[in-house]
Amino acid sequence: MKQLSLDLTNTTYHWLNSQVKTNHFANINEYLQNLINKEQQQQSLQQAITKGIESGISPHSFDEITNHLQG
């Protein structure tokens, strides 16, 4: 695992600590890792949405699609 050093203002440091306590994280590292994971998930979701939009409109109805998926 890689380590990263950050320089934070006192205000930011205290805000991070309050977020850790409020959201029941063990430490700032765990909180920041959670934020990074959420951002990665959001980017993946946005890419999937963009791919879906760019693929165009299906000629099939919603019911046809769901029936096909259900087998």
Foldseek 3Di string as FASTA:
>chain_A
DDDDDDDDDPVVVVVLVVVCVVVVHPDSVRVVVVVVVVVVVVVVVVVVVVVVVVVDDDPDDPVVVVVVVVD
